[in-house]
PDB file of N, CA and C in Angstrom:
ATOM      1  N   MET A   1      60.789 169.844  55.860  1.00  0.00           N
ATOM      2  CA  MET A   1      61.970 169.211  55.971  1.00  0.00           C
ATOM      3  C   MET A   1      63.082 169.038  57.246  1.00  0.00           C
ATOM      4  N   THR A   2      63.770 168.051  57.477  1.00  0.00           N
ATOM      5  CA  THR A   2      64.292 168.170  58.792  1.00  0.00           C
ATOM      6  C   THR A   2      65.693 167.873  57.843  1.00  0.00           C
ATOM      7  N   LEU A   3      67.368 168.924  58.425  1.00  0.00           N
ATOM      8  CA  LEU A   3      67.833 169.087  57.582  1.00  0.00           C
ATOM      9  C   LEU A   3      68.482 167.686  58.450  1.00  0.00           C
ATOM     10  N   ARG A   4      69.752 166.964  58.278  1.00  0.00           N
ATOM     11  CA  ARG A   4      70.816 166.041  58.357  1.00  0.00           C
ATOM     12  C   ARG A   4      71.625 167.186  59.079  1.00  0.00           C
ATOM     13  N   ARG A   5      71.999 166.442  60.416  1.00  0.00           N
ATOM     14  CA  ARG A   5      73.020 167.012  61.518  1.00  0.00           C
ATOM     15  C   ARG A   5      74.434 166.228  61.374  1.00  0.00           C
ATOM     16  N   ALA A   6      75.836 166.982  61.484  1.00  0.00           N
ATOM     17  CA  ALA A   6      77.017 166.326  61.855  1.00  0.00           C
ATOM     18  C   ALA A   6      77.059 164.865  62.450  1.00  0.00           C
ATOM     19  N   LYS A   7      77.414 164.126  62.108  1.00  0.00           N
ATOM     20  CA  LYS A   7      77.649 162.501  62.749  1.00  0.00           C
ATOM     21  C   LYS A   7      78.956 162.624  63.647  1.00  0.00           C
ATOM     22  N   THR A   8      80.105 162.970  63.385  1.00  0.00           N
ATOM     23  CA  THR A   8      81.121 163.498  64.462  1.00  0.00           C
ATOM     24  C   THR A   8      82.098 164.852  64.063  1.00  0.00           C
ATOM     25  N   ALA A   9      82.445 164.757  65.339  1.00  0.00           N
ATOM     26  CA  ALA A   9      83.274 166.072  65.372  1.00  0.00           C
ATOM     27  C   ALA A   9      83.581 165.821  63.845  1.00  0.00           C
ATOM     28  N   ASP A  10      84.693 165.795  64.178  1.00  0.00           N
ATOM     29  CA  ASP A  10      85.559 165.802  62.768  1.00  0.00           C
ATOM     30  C   ASP A  10      84.203 166.041  60.891  1.00  0.00           C
ATOM     31  N   GLU A  11      83.260 165.336  61.217  1.00  0.00           N
ATOM     32  CA  GLU A  11      82.431 166.068  59.962  1.00  0.00           C
ATOM     33  C   GLU A  11      82.084 167.531  59.665  1.00  0.00           C
ATOM     34  N   TYR A  12      81.749 167.610  61.056  1.00  0.00           N
ATOM     35  CA  TYR A  12      80.993 169.055  61.929  1.00  0.00           C
ATOM     36  C   TYR A  12      82.026 169.614  61.160  1.00  0.00           C
ATOM     37  N   VAL A  13      83.419 169.587  62.267  1.00  0.00           N
ATOM     38  CA  VAL A  13      84.382 170.713  61.344  1.00  0.00           C
ATOM     39  C   VAL A  13      85.144 170.284  60.121  1.00  0.00           C
ATOM     40  N   ASP A  14      84.615 170.199  59.546  1.00  0.00           N
ATOM     41  CA  ASP A  14      85.193 169.162  57.311  1.00  0.00           C
ATOM     42  C   ASP A  14      83.536 170.693  57.002  1.00  0.00           C
ATOM     43  N   TRP A  15      82.680 170.789  57.900  1.00  0.00           N
ATOM     44  CA  TRP A  15      81.622 170.780  56.893  1.00  0.00           C
ATOM     45  C   TRP A  15      81.909 173.032  57.438  1.00  0.00           C
ATOM     46  N   ILE A  16      82.212 173.423  58.541  1.00  0.00           N
ATOM     47  CA  ILE A  16      82.408 174.440  58.614  1.00  0.00           C
ATOM     48  C   ILE A  16      83.659 175.038  57.831  1.00  0.00           C
ATOM     49  N   LYS A  17      85.117 173.525  57.674  1.00  0.00           N
ATOM     50  CA  LYS A  17      86.242 174.155  56.496  1.00  0.00           C
ATOM     51  C   LYS A  17      85.601 174.477  54.883  1.00  0.00           C
ATOM     52  N   ASN A  18      84.506 174.042  55.016  1.00  0.00           N
ATOM     53  CA  ASN A  18      83.630 173.840  53.319  1.00  0.00           C
ATOM     54  C   ASN A  18      83.211 174.813  53.412  1.00  0.00           C
ATOM     55  N   ALA A  19      82.444 175.681  54.146  1.00  0.00           N
ATOM     56  CA  ALA A  19      81.778 176.559  54.399  1.00  0.00           C
ATOM     57  C   ALA A  19      82.465 177.732  54.262  1.00  0.00           C
ATOM     58  N   VAL A  20      83.693 178.002  54.772  1.00  0.00           N
ATOM     59  CA  VAL A  20      84.911 179.261  54.671  1.00  0.00           C
ATOM     60  C   VAL A  20      85.126 179.681  53.379  1.00  0.00           C
ATOM     61  N   PHE A  21      85.507 177.703  53.521  1.00  0.00           N
ATOM     62  CA  PHE A  21      86.094 177.791  51.173  1.00  0.00           C
ATOM     63  C   PHE A  21      84.752 178.515  50.553  1.00  0.00           C
ATOM     64  N   GLU A  22      83.989 177.698  50.390  1.00  0.00           N
ATOM     65  CA  GLU A  22      81.891 178.090  49.889  1.00  0.00           C
ATOM     66  C   GLU A  22      82.561 180.284  50.419  1.00  0.00           C
ATOM     67  N   ALA A  23      82.610 180.332  50.828  1.00  0.00           N
ATOM     68  CA  ALA A  23      82.552 182.263  52.267  1.00  0.00           C
ATOM     69  C   ALA A  23      83.245 182.883  50.047  1.00  0.00           C
ATOM     70  N   LYS A  24      84.321 182.436  50.913  1.00  0.00           N
ATOM     71  CA  LYS A  24      86.181 183.005  50.045  1.00  0.00           C
ATOM     72  C   LYS A  24      85.676 183.200  49.135  1.00  0.00           C
ATOM     73  N   ASP A  25      84.932 182.097  48.622  1.00  0.00           N
ATOM     74  CA  ASP A  25      84.765 181.328  46.866  1.00  0.00           C
ATOM     75  C   ASP A  25      83.305 182.391  46.308  1.00  0.00           C
ATOM     76  N   LEU A  26      82.705 182.576  47.065  1.00  0.00           N
ATOM     77  CA  LEU A  26      81.758 183.636  46.792  1.00  0.00           C
ATOM     78  C   LEU A  26      81.349 184.764  46.809  1.00  0.00           C
ATOM     79  N   ARG A  27      82.383 185.480  48.052  1.00  0.00           N
ATOM     80  CA  ARG A  27      83.171 186.777  47.714  1.00  0.00           C
ATOM     81  C   ARG A  27      83.632 187.525  46.010  1.00  0.00           C
ATOM     82  N   GLU A  28      85.172 185.976  46.184  1.00  0.00           N
ATOM     83  CA  GLU A  28      85.802 186.290  45.195  1.00  0.00           C
ATOM     84  C   GLU A  28      85.000 185.921  43.792  1.00  0.00           C
ATOM     85  N   CYS A  29      83.931 185.466  43.573  1.00  0.00           N
ATOM     86  CA  CYS A  29      83.476 185.638  42.157  1.00  0.00           C
ATOM     87  C   CYS A  29      82.320 186.628  42.199  1.00  0.00           C
ATOM     88  N   PHE A  30      82.005 187.005  43.127  1.00  0.00           N
ATOM     89  CA  PHE A  30      81.277 188.683  43.309  1.00  0.00           C
ATOM     90  C   PHE A  30      81.514 189.262  42.838  1.00  0.00           C
ATOM     91  N   MET A  31      83.392 189.500  43.145  1.00  0.00           N
ATOM     92  CA  MET A  31      84.112 190.800  43.007  1.00  0.00           C
ATOM     93  C   MET A  31      84.525 190.307  40.998  1.00  0.00           C
ATOM     94  N   PHE A  32      84.635 189.144  40.900  1.00  0.00           N
ATOM     95  CA  PHE A  32      85.574 188.832  39.651  1.00  0.00           C
ATOM     96  C   PHE A  32      84.128 189.715  38.677  1.00  0.00           C
ATOM     97  N   GLU A  33      82.817 188.620  38.448  1.00  0.00           N
ATOM     98  CA  GLU A  33      81.518 189.225  37.788  1.00  0.00           C
ATOM     99  C   GLU A  33      81.359 190.344  37.767  1.00  0.00           C
ATOM    100  N   ILE A  34      81.390 191.336  39.064  1.00  0.00           N
ATOM    101  CA  ILE A  34      80.876 192.833  39.170  1.00  0.00           C
ATOM    102  C   ILE A  34      81.944 193.492  38.659  1.00  0.00           C
ATOM    103  N   GLU A  35      81.886 194.558  38.257  1.00  0.00           N
ATOM    104  CA  GLU A  35      82.467 195.505  37.458  1.00  0.00           C
ATOM    105  C   GLU A  35      82.251 196.903  38.462  1.00  0.00           C
ATOM    106  N   ASP A  36      80.621 197.207  38.199  1.00  0.00           N
ATOM    107  CA  ASP A  36      80.552 198.319  40.014  1.00  0.00           C
ATOM    108  C   ASP A  36      80.239 197.746  40.379  1.00  0.00           C
ATOM    109  N   MET A  37      81.687 198.291  41.734  1.00  0.00           N
ATOM    110  CA  MET A  37      81.198 197.599  43.511  1.00  0.00           C
ATOM    111  C   MET A  37      79.902 198.604  43.497  1.00  0.00           C
ATOM    112  N   THR A  38      79.651 199.982  43.829  1.00  0.00           N
ATOM    113  CA  THR A  38      78.314 199.854  43.931  1.00  0.00           C
ATOM    114  C   THR A  38      77.010 198.534  43.500  1.00  0.00           C
ATOM    115  N   ARG A  39      77.731 197.280  43.364  1.00  0.00           N
ATOM    116  CA  ARG A  39      76.014 196.823  42.961  1.00  0.00           C
ATOM    117  C   ARG A  39      76.896 195.349  43.530  1.00  0.00           C
ATOM    118  N   PHE A  40      77.753 195.385  44.663  1.00  0.00           N
ATOM    119  CA  PHE A  40      78.085 194.228  45.160  1.00  0.00           C
ATOM    120  C   PHE A  40      77.698 193.781  46.326  1.00  0.00           C
ATOM    121  N   PRO A  41      76.856 192.748  46.272  1.00  0.00           N
ATOM    122  CA  PRO A  41      75.876 192.481  47.802  1.00  0.00           C
ATOM    123  C   PRO A  41      76.486 192.762  49.095  1.00  0.00           C
ATOM    124  N   SER A  42      75.861 193.791  49.999  1.00  0.00           N
ATOM    125  CA  SER A  42      76.681 193.888  50.686  1.00  0.00           C
ATOM    126  C   SER A  42      77.100 192.989  52.026  1.00  0.00           C
ATOM    127  N   TRP A  43      75.553 192.169  51.845  1.00  0.00           N
ATOM    128  CA  TRP A  43      76.322 190.480  53.357  1.00  0.00           C
ATOM    129  C   TRP A  43      77.035 190.105  52.812  1.00  0.00           C
ATOM    130  N   VAL A  44      77.769 189.841  51.589  1.00  0.00           N
ATOM    131  CA  VAL A  44      78.592 189.370  51.432  1.00  0.00           C
ATOM    132  C   VAL A  44      79.842 188.545  52.388  1.00  0.00           C
ATOM    133  N   GLU A  45      80.475 189.797  52.513  1.00  0.00           N
ATOM    134  CA  GLU A  45      81.962 190.467  53.285  1.00  0.00           C
ATOM    135  C   GLU A  45      81.025 189.836  54.835  1.00  0.00           C
ATOM    136  N   PRO A  46      79.628 190.036  55.442  1.00  0.00           N
ATOM    137  CA  PRO A  46      79.510 190.193  56.613  1.00  0.00           C
ATOM    138  C   PRO A  46      79.553 188.473  56.812  1.00  0.00           C
ATOM    139  N   LEU A  47      79.128 187.692  55.249  1.00  0.00           N
ATOM    140  CA  LEU A  47      78.448 186.725  56.104  1.00  0.00           C
ATOM    141  C   LEU A  47      79.613 185.561  55.838  1.00  0.00           C
ATOM    142  N   GLU A  48      81.061 185.968  54.935  1.00  0.00           N
ATOM    143  CA  GLU A  48      82.520 185.432  55.404  1.00  0.00           C
ATOM    144  C   GLU A  48      82.968 185.547  56.421  1.00  0.00           C
ATOM    145  N   LYS A  49      82.830 186.079  57.040  1.00  0.00           N
ATOM    146  CA  LYS A  49      83.247 187.163  58.274  1.00  0.00           C
ATOM    147  C   LYS A  49      82.938 185.716  59.266  1.00  0.00           C
ATOM    148  N   MET A  50      81.623 186.258  59.248  1.00  0.00           N
ATOM    149  CA  MET A  50      80.798 185.309  60.134  1.00  0.00           C
ATOM    150  C   MET A  50      81.078 183.569  60.253  1.00  0.00           C
ATOM    151  N   VAL A  51      81.175 183.064  58.886  1.00  0.00           N
ATOM    152  CA  VAL A  51      81.685 181.789  59.219  1.00  0.00           C
ATOM    153  C   VAL A  51      82.915 181.216  59.852  1.00  0.00           C
ATOM    154  N   SER A  52      84.428 182.566  59.537  1.00  0.00           N
ATOM    155  CA  SER A  52      85.086 182.299  59.617  1.00  0.00           C
ATOM    156  C   SER A  52      85.220 182.565  60.377  1.00  0.00           C
ATOM    157  N   ASP A  53      84.655 183.343  61.571  1.00  0.00           N
ATOM    158  CA  ASP A  53      84.547 183.433  62.807  1.00  0.00           C
ATOM    159  C   ASP A  53      84.385 182.222  64.020  1.00  0.00           C
ATOM    160  N   VAL A  54      83.150 181.545  63.406  1.00  0.00           N
ATOM    161  CA  VAL A  54      83.218 179.895  63.726  1.00  0.00           C
ATOM    162  C   VAL A  54      83.763 179.340  64.012  1.00  0.00           C
ATOM    163  N   HIS A  55      84.973 179.000  62.604  1.00  0.00           N
ATOM    164  CA  HIS A  55      85.993 177.897  62.266  1.00  0.00           C
ATOM    165  C   HIS A  55      86.745 178.730  63.206  1.00  0.00           C
ATOM    166  N   GLN A  56      86.994 180.026  63.566  1.00  0.00           N
ATOM    167  CA  GLN A  56      88.417 180.340  64.459  1.00  0.00           C
ATOM    168  C   GLN A  56      88.133 180.127  65.545  1.00  0.00           C
ATOM    169  N   SER A  57      86.613 179.990  66.742  1.00  0.00           N
ATOM    170  CA  SER A  57      86.725 179.773  67.677  1.00  0.00           C
ATOM    171  C   SER A  57      86.714 178.044  67.537  1.00  0.00           C
ATOM    172  N   MET A  58      86.347 177.440  66.507  1.00  0.00           N
ATOM    173  CA  MET A  58      86.868 176.022  67.226  1.00  0.00           C
ATOM    174  C   MET A  58      88.691 175.310  66.855  1.00  0.00           C
ATOM    175  N   VAL A  59      89.191 176.694  66.077  1.00  0.00           N
ATOM    176  CA  VAL A  59      90.316 176.685  66.166  1.00  0.00           C
ATOM    177  C   VAL A  59      91.264 176.631  67.735  1.00  0.00           C
ATOM    178  N   ASP A  60      90.725 178.000  68.539  1.00  0.00           N
ATOM    179  CA  ASP A  60      91.806 178.551  69.273  1.00  0.00           C
ATOM    180  C   ASP A  60      90.078 177.551  70.426  1.00  0.00           C
ATOM    181  N   GLY A  61      89.321 176.962  70.597  1.00  0.00           N
ATOM    182  CA  GLY A  61      88.674 175.847  71.236  1.00  0.00           C
ATOM    183  C   GLY A  61      87.352 176.325  72.093  1.00  0.00           C
ATOM    184  N   THR A  62      87.201 177.275  71.417  1.00  0.00           N
ATOM    185  CA  THR A  62      86.284 178.795  71.773  1.00  0.00           C
ATOM    186  C   THR A  62      84.909 177.708  72.152  1.00  0.00           C
ATOM    187  N   TYR A  63      84.400 177.509  70.519  1.00  0.00           N
ATOM    188  CA  TYR A  63      83.772 177.066  70.148  1.00  0.00           C
ATOM    189  C   TYR A  63      82.722 176.183  71.130  1.00  0.00           C
ATOM    190  N   HIS A  64      81.029 176.358  71.480  1.00  0.00           N
ATOM    191  CA  HIS A  64      80.420 175.275  72.242  1.00  0.00           C
ATOM    192  C   HIS A  64      78.597 175.462  71.522  1.00  0.00           C
ATOM    193  N   PHE A  65      78.591 174.330  71.220  1.00  0.00           N
ATOM    194  CA  PHE A  65      77.696 174.087  70.677  1.00  0.00           C
ATOM    195  C   PHE A  65      76.311 174.537  72.086  1.00  0.00           C
ATOM    196  N   GLY A  66      75.028 175.794  71.121  1.00  0.00           N
ATOM    197  CA  GLY A  66      74.348 175.689  71.894  1.00  0.00           C
ATOM    198  C   GLY A  66      72.405 176.410  71.377  1.00  0.00           C
ATOM    199  N   ARG A  67      71.694 177.000  71.446  1.00  0.00           N
ATOM    200  CA  ARG A  67      70.995 177.029  71.720  1.00  0.00           C
ATOM    201  C   ARG A  67      70.281 177.881  70.694  1.00  0.00           C
ATOM    202  N   GLU A  68      71.135 178.937  70.335  1.00  0.00           N
ATOM    203  CA  GLU A  68      70.882 179.949  69.694  1.00  0.00           C
ATOM    204  C   GLU A  68      71.374 179.989  68.189  1.00  0.00           C
ATOM    205  N   ASP A  69      70.343 180.097  67.933  1.00  0.00           N
ATOM    206  CA  ASP A  69      70.613 180.344  65.856  1.00  0.00           C
ATOM    207  C   ASP A  69      72.192 180.506  65.881  1.00  0.00           C
ATOM    208  N   LEU A  70      73.307 180.445  65.070  1.00  0.00           N
ATOM    209  CA  LEU A  70      74.696 180.776  64.429  1.00  0.00           C
ATOM    210  C   LEU A  70      74.289 182.351  63.686  1.00  0.00           C
ATOM    211  N   PRO A  71      75.749 183.636  64.743  1.00  0.00           N
ATOM    212  CA  PRO A  71      75.374 184.707  63.423  1.00  0.00           C
ATOM    213  C   PRO A  71      74.922 184.978  62.569  1.00  0.00           C
ATOM    214  N   PHE A  72      75.565 183.877  60.995  1.00  0.00           N
ATOM    215  CA  PHE A  72      75.239 184.184  59.821  1.00  0.00           C
ATOM    216  C   PHE A  72      74.178 184.062  59.548  1.00  0.00           C
ATOM    217  N   MET A  73      73.011 183.233  60.861  1.00  0.00           N
ATOM    218  CA  MET A  73      71.955 183.100  60.059  1.00  0.00           C
ATOM    219  C   MET A  73      70.266 183.920  59.418  1.00  0.00           C
ATOM    220  N   ASP A  74      70.874 185.224  60.485  1.00  0.00           N
ATOM    221  CA  ASP A  74      70.268 186.586  60.006  1.00  0.00           C
ATOM    222  C   ASP A  74      70.586 186.545  57.874  1.00  0.00           C
ATOM    223  N   ILE A  75      71.290 186.376  57.831  1.00  0.00           N
ATOM    224  CA  ILE A  75      71.792 186.775  56.762  1.00  0.00           C
ATOM    225  C   ILE A  75      71.280 185.482  55.712  1.00  0.00           C
ATOM    226  N   LEU A  76      71.666 184.783  56.468  1.00  0.00           N
ATOM    227  CA  LEU A  76      71.585 183.890  56.017  1.00  0.00           C
ATOM    228  C   LEU A  76      69.121 183.704  54.653  1.00  0.00           C
ATOM    229  N   TYR A  77      68.018 184.382  56.319  1.00  0.00           N
ATOM    230  CA  TYR A  77      67.240 184.164  55.786  1.00  0.00           C
ATOM    231  C   TYR A  77      66.852 184.964  55.283  1.00  0.00           C
ATOM    232  N   ARG A  78      67.666 185.819  55.301  1.00  0.00           N
ATOM    233  CA  ARG A  78      67.460 187.504  54.414  1.00  0.00           C
ATOM    234  C   ARG A  78      67.806 187.236  52.860  1.00  0.00           C
ATOM    235  N   TYR A  79      68.861 186.374  53.047  1.00  0.00           N
ATOM    236  CA  TYR A  79      69.494 185.802  51.493  1.00  0.00           C
ATOM    237  C   TYR A  79      69.985 184.922  50.989  1.00  0.00           C
ATOM    238  N   GLY A  80      69.787 184.185  51.715  1.00  0.00           N
ATOM    239  CA  GLY A  80      69.877 182.778  51.243  1.00  0.00           C
ATOM    240  C   GLY A  80      69.364 181.940  49.749  1.00  0.00           C
ATOM    241  N   ASP A  81      68.630 182.656  49.261  1.00  0.00           N
ATOM    242  CA  ASP A  81      68.564 182.653  47.758  1.00  0.00           C
ATOM    243  C   ASP A  81      69.191 182.254  47.155  1.00  0.00           C
ATOM    244  N   GLN A  82      70.101 183.323  47.508  1.00  0.00           N
ATOM    245  CA  GLN A  82      71.120 184.070  46.680  1.00  0.00           C
ATOM    246  C   GLN A  82      73.039 182.697  46.662  1.00  0.00           C
ATOM    247  N   ILE A  83      72.471 182.322  47.483  1.00  0.00           N
ATOM    248  CA  ILE A  83      73.600 181.937  48.495  1.00  0.00           C
ATOM    249  C   ILE A  83      73.510 180.071  48.032  1.00  0.00           C
ATOM    250  N   PRO A  84      74.320 179.000  47.624  1.00  0.00           N
ATOM    251  CA  PRO A  84      74.753 178.566  46.718  1.00  0.00           C
ATOM    252  C   PRO A  84      74.811 177.156  47.872  1.00  0.00           C
ATOM    253  N   PHE A  85      75.629 177.464  48.848  1.00  0.00           N
ATOM    254  CA  PHE A  85      75.986 176.210  49.827  1.00  0.00           C
ATOM    255  C   PHE A  85      74.603 176.209  50.507  1.00  0.00           C
ATOM    256  N   HIS A  86      73.387 177.378  50.293  1.00  0.00           N
ATOM    257  CA  HIS A  86      72.640 178.178  51.808  1.00  0.00           C
ATOM    258  C   HIS A  86      72.624 175.920  53.141  1.00  0.00           C
ATOM    259  N   THR A  87      71.551 175.130  52.350  1.00  0.00           N
ATOM    260  CA  THR A  87      71.872 173.816  52.644  1.00  0.00           C
ATOM    261  C   THR A  87      72.752 173.988  53.711  1.00  0.00           C
ATOM    262  N   LEU A  88      74.523 173.640  53.247  1.00  0.00           N
ATOM    263  CA  LEU A  88      75.056 173.329  54.129  1.00  0.00           C
ATOM    264  C   LEU A  88      75.133 174.465  55.831  1.00  0.00           C
ATOM    265  N   LEU A  89      75.036 175.284  54.709  1.00  0.00           N
ATOM    266  CA  LEU A  89      74.643 176.908  57.174  1.00  0.00           C
ATOM    267  C   LEU A  89      73.670 176.293  57.654  1.00  0.00           C
ATOM    268  N   LYS A  90      72.776 175.682  56.751  1.00  0.00           N
ATOM    269  CA  LYS A  90      71.206 175.057  57.229  1.00  0.00           C
ATOM    270  C   LYS A  90      71.677 174.187  58.186  1.00  0.00           C
ATOM    271  N   GLN A  91      72.868 173.310  57.546  1.00  0.00           N
ATOM    272  CA  GLN A  91      73.586 171.937  58.594  1.00  0.00           C
ATOM    273  C   GLN A  91      74.391 172.129  59.582  1.00  0.00           C
ATOM    274  N   ILE A  92      75.323 173.367  59.581  1.00  0.00           N
ATOM    275  CA  ILE A  92      76.425 173.962  59.938  1.00  0.00           C
ATOM    276  C   ILE A  92      75.430 174.007  61.267  1.00  0.00           C
ATOM    277  N   ASN A  93      73.988 175.621  61.823  1.00  0.00           N
ATOM    278  CA  ASN A  93      73.165 175.755  62.100  1.00  0.00           C
ATOM    279  C   ASN A  93      72.578 174.385  63.272  1.00  0.00           C
ATOM    280  N   GLU A  94      71.961 173.969  62.162  1.00  0.00           N
ATOM    281  CA  GLU A  94      71.069 172.649  62.543  1.00  0.00           C
ATOM    282  C   GLU A  94      72.518 171.199  63.877  1.00  0.00           C
ATOM    283  N   THR A  95      73.072 171.689  63.858  1.00  0.00           N
ATOM    284  CA  THR A  95      74.211 170.863  63.964  1.00  0.00           C
ATOM    285  C   THR A  95      74.312 171.136  65.930  1.00  0.00           C
ATOM    286  N   HIS A  96      74.915 173.232  65.249  1.00  0.00           N
ATOM    287  CA  HIS A  96      75.440 173.853  66.695  1.00  0.00           C
ATOM    288  C   HIS A  96      73.847 174.120  67.843  1.00  0.00           C
ATOM    289  N   ARG A  97      72.436 173.869  66.983  1.00  0.00           N
ATOM    290  CA  ARG A  97      71.498 173.781  67.763  1.00  0.00           C
ATOM    291  C   ARG A  97      71.309 172.841  68.745  1.00  0.00           C
ATOM    292  N   LYS A  98      71.791 171.415  68.222  1.00  0.00           N
ATOM    293  CA  LYS A  98      70.882 170.453  68.319  1.00  0.00           C
ATOM    294  C   LYS A  98      71.866 169.635  68.861  1.00  0.00           C
ATOM    295  N   GLY A  99      73.099 169.528  67.844  1.00  0.00           N
ATOM    296  CA  GLY A  99      74.090 168.569  68.715  1.00  0.00           C
ATOM    297  C   GLY A  99      74.452 167.858  67.424  1.00  0.00           C
ATOM    298  N   LEU A 100      75.255 166.651  67.202  1.00  0.00           N
ATOM    299  CA  LEU A 100      75.641 165.131  67.155  1.00  0.00           C
ATOM    300  C   LEU A 100      74.544 164.832  66.503  1.00  0.00           C
ATOM    301  N   GLU A 101      74.505 164.433  66.193  1.00  0.00           N
ATOM    302  CA  GLU A 101      73.439 163.243  65.688  1.00  0.00           C
ATOM    303  C   GLU A 101      74.246 161.947  65.467  1.00  0.00           C
ATOM    304  N   VAL A 102      74.024 161.468  67.020  1.00  0.00           N
ATOM    305  CA  VAL A 102      74.339 159.971  67.473  1.00  0.00           C
ATOM    306  C   VAL A 102      73.809 159.013  67.233  1.00  0.00           C
ATOM    307  N   GLU A 103      73.899 158.140  66.669  1.00  0.00           N
ATOM    308  CA  GLU A 103      72.746 156.612  66.594  1.00  0.00           C
ATOM    309  C   GLU A 103      72.827 155.904  67.930  1.00  0.00           C
ATOM    310  N   GLU A 104      72.165 155.534  68.424  1.00  0.00           N
ATOM    311  CA  GLU A 104      71.157 155.090  69.168  1.00  0.00           C
ATOM    312  C   GLU A 104      71.719 153.793  69.229  1.00  0.00           C
ATOM    313  N   ASP A 105      71.890 153.272  70.844  1.00  0.00           N
ATOM    314  CA  ASP A 105      71.922 151.273  70.405  1.00  0.00           C
ATOM    315  C   ASP A 105      71.134 150.520  71.987  1.00  0.00           C
ATOM    316  N   ASP A 106      70.614 150.112  70.674  1.00  0.00           N
ATOM    317  CA  ASP A 106      69.545 149.907  71.220  1.00  0.00           C
ATOM    318  C   ASP A 106      69.522 148.632  72.138  1.00  0.00           C
ATOM    319  N   ASP A 107      70.394 148.524  72.791  1.00  0.00           N
ATOM    320  CA  ASP A 107      70.467 147.449  73.684  1.00  0.00           C
ATOM    321  C   ASP A 107      69.922 147.351  75.385  1.00  0.00           C
TER     322      ASP A 107
END
Protein backbone atom coordinates (compact mmCIF):
# COMPACT_ATOMS: atom_id res chain seq x y z
CA MET A 1 0.00 0.00 0.00
CA THR A 2 1.41 3.35 -1.03
CA LEU A 3 0.91 6.07 1.53
CA ARG A 4 -0.30 9.46 0.42
CA ARG A 5 2.09 12.29 1.21
CA ALA A 6 1.14 15.88 1.92
CA LYS A 7 0.98 18.02 -1.21
CA THR A 8 1.70 21.36 0.45
CA ALA A 9 3.55 22.62 3.50
CA ASP A 10 0.23 23.86 4.92
CA GLU A 11 -1.32 20.41 4.56
CA TYR A 12 1.72 18.83 6.26
CA VAL A 13 1.51 21.29 9.17
CA ASP A 14 -2.23 20.55 9.49
CA TRP A 15 -1.44 16.83 9.66
CA ILE A 16 1.08 17.45 12.44
CA LYS A 17 -1.40 19.62 14.37
CA ASN A 18 -4.05 16.93 13.97
CA ALA A 19 -1.63 14.27 15.23
CA VAL A 20 -0.84 16.42 18.30
CA PHE A 21 -4.57 16.70 19.01
CA GLU A 22 -5.14 12.96 18.45
CA ALA A 23 -2.21 11.96 20.71
CA LYS A 24 -3.46 14.19 23.51
CA ASP A 25 -7.00 12.90 23.07
CA LEU A 26 -5.80 9.29 23.14
CA ARG A 27 -3.93 9.90 26.42
CA GLU A 28 -6.99 11.58 27.94
CA CYS A 29 -9.24 8.70 26.85
CA PHE A 30 -6.93 6.16 28.46
CA MET A 31 -6.78 8.23 31.64
CA PHE A 32 -10.58 8.44 31.76
CA GLU A 33 -11.19 4.75 30.99
CA ILE A 34 -8.49 3.13 33.09
CA GLU A 35 -9.09 3.31 36.81
CA ASP A 36 -5.97 1.32 37.65
CA MET A 37 -3.05 3.44 36.44
CA THR A 38 -0.73 0.41 36.59
CA ARG A 39 -2.44 -0.80 33.41
CA PHE A 40 -2.00 2.55 31.63
CA PRO A 41 0.02 1.85 28.45
CA SER A 42 3.58 3.07 28.97
CA TRP A 43 3.92 4.19 25.34
CA VAL A 44 1.06 6.73 25.34
CA GLU A 45 2.84 9.68 26.96
CA PRO A 46 6.12 9.20 25.00
CA LEU A 47 4.07 9.10 21.78
CA GLU A 48 2.34 12.34 22.70
CA LYS A 49 5.68 13.99 23.51
CA MET A 50 7.35 12.82 20.30
CA VAL A 51 4.51 14.10 18.13
CA SER A 52 4.49 17.39 20.06
CA ASP A 53 8.26 17.66 19.61
CA VAL A 54 7.86 17.46 15.82
CA HIS A 55 5.28 20.24 15.96
CA GLN A 56 7.47 22.34 18.26
CA SER A 57 10.42 21.99 15.88
CA MET A 58 8.18 23.40 13.13
CA VAL A 59 7.18 26.31 15.37
CA ASP A 60 10.83 26.93 16.29
CA GLY A 61 11.94 26.77 12.67
CA THR A 62 14.31 23.88 13.35
CA TYR A 63 12.35 21.16 11.54
CA HIS A 64 14.02 19.51 8.55
CA PHE A 65 12.81 16.75 6.27
CA GLY A 66 15.08 13.71 6.46
CA ARG A 67 15.59 10.19 5.24
CA GLU A 68 15.30 8.61 8.69
CA ASP A 69 12.05 7.70 10.40
CA LEU A 70 10.62 10.14 12.91
CA PRO A 71 11.17 9.02 16.53
CA PHE A 72 7.53 8.04 17.11
CA MET A 73 7.74 5.32 14.46
CA ASP A 74 9.36 2.89 16.94
CA ILE A 75 6.21 3.12 19.04
CA LEU A 76 4.02 2.84 15.96
CA TYR A 77 5.79 -0.33 14.79
CA ARG A 78 5.14 -1.99 18.16
CA TYR A 79 1.70 -0.64 19.11
CA GLY A 80 0.17 0.59 15.85
CA ASP A 81 -2.85 -1.66 16.20
CA GLN A 82 -3.73 0.22 19.41
CA ILE A 83 -3.31 3.70 17.89
CA PRO A 84 -6.48 4.83 16.10
CA PHE A 85 -4.63 7.46 14.04
CA HIS A 86 -1.77 5.18 12.97
CA THR A 87 -2.33 5.89 9.27
CA LEU A 88 -1.96 9.64 9.86
CA LEU A 89 1.34 9.03 11.66
CA LYS A 90 2.53 6.83 8.79
CA GLN A 91 1.62 9.56 6.29
CA ILE A 92 3.50 12.16 8.32
CA ASN A 93 6.55 9.93 8.44
CA GLU A 94 6.33 9.19 4.71
CA THR A 95 6.18 12.91 3.94
CA HIS A 96 9.08 13.53 6.33
CA ARG A 97 11.22 10.92 4.57
CA LYS A 98 10.27 11.60 0.94
CA GLY A 99 9.19 15.23 0.97
CA LEU A 100 6.00 16.82 -0.26
CA GLU A 101 4.14 15.12 -3.07
CA VAL A 102 4.38 17.65 -5.87
CA GLU A 103 2.72 17.24 -9.23
CA GLU A 104 5.07 17.15 -12.17
CA ASP A 105 4.52 19.51 -15.09
CA ASP A 106 4.17 17.92 -18.51
CA ASP A 107 5.93 20.82 -20.25
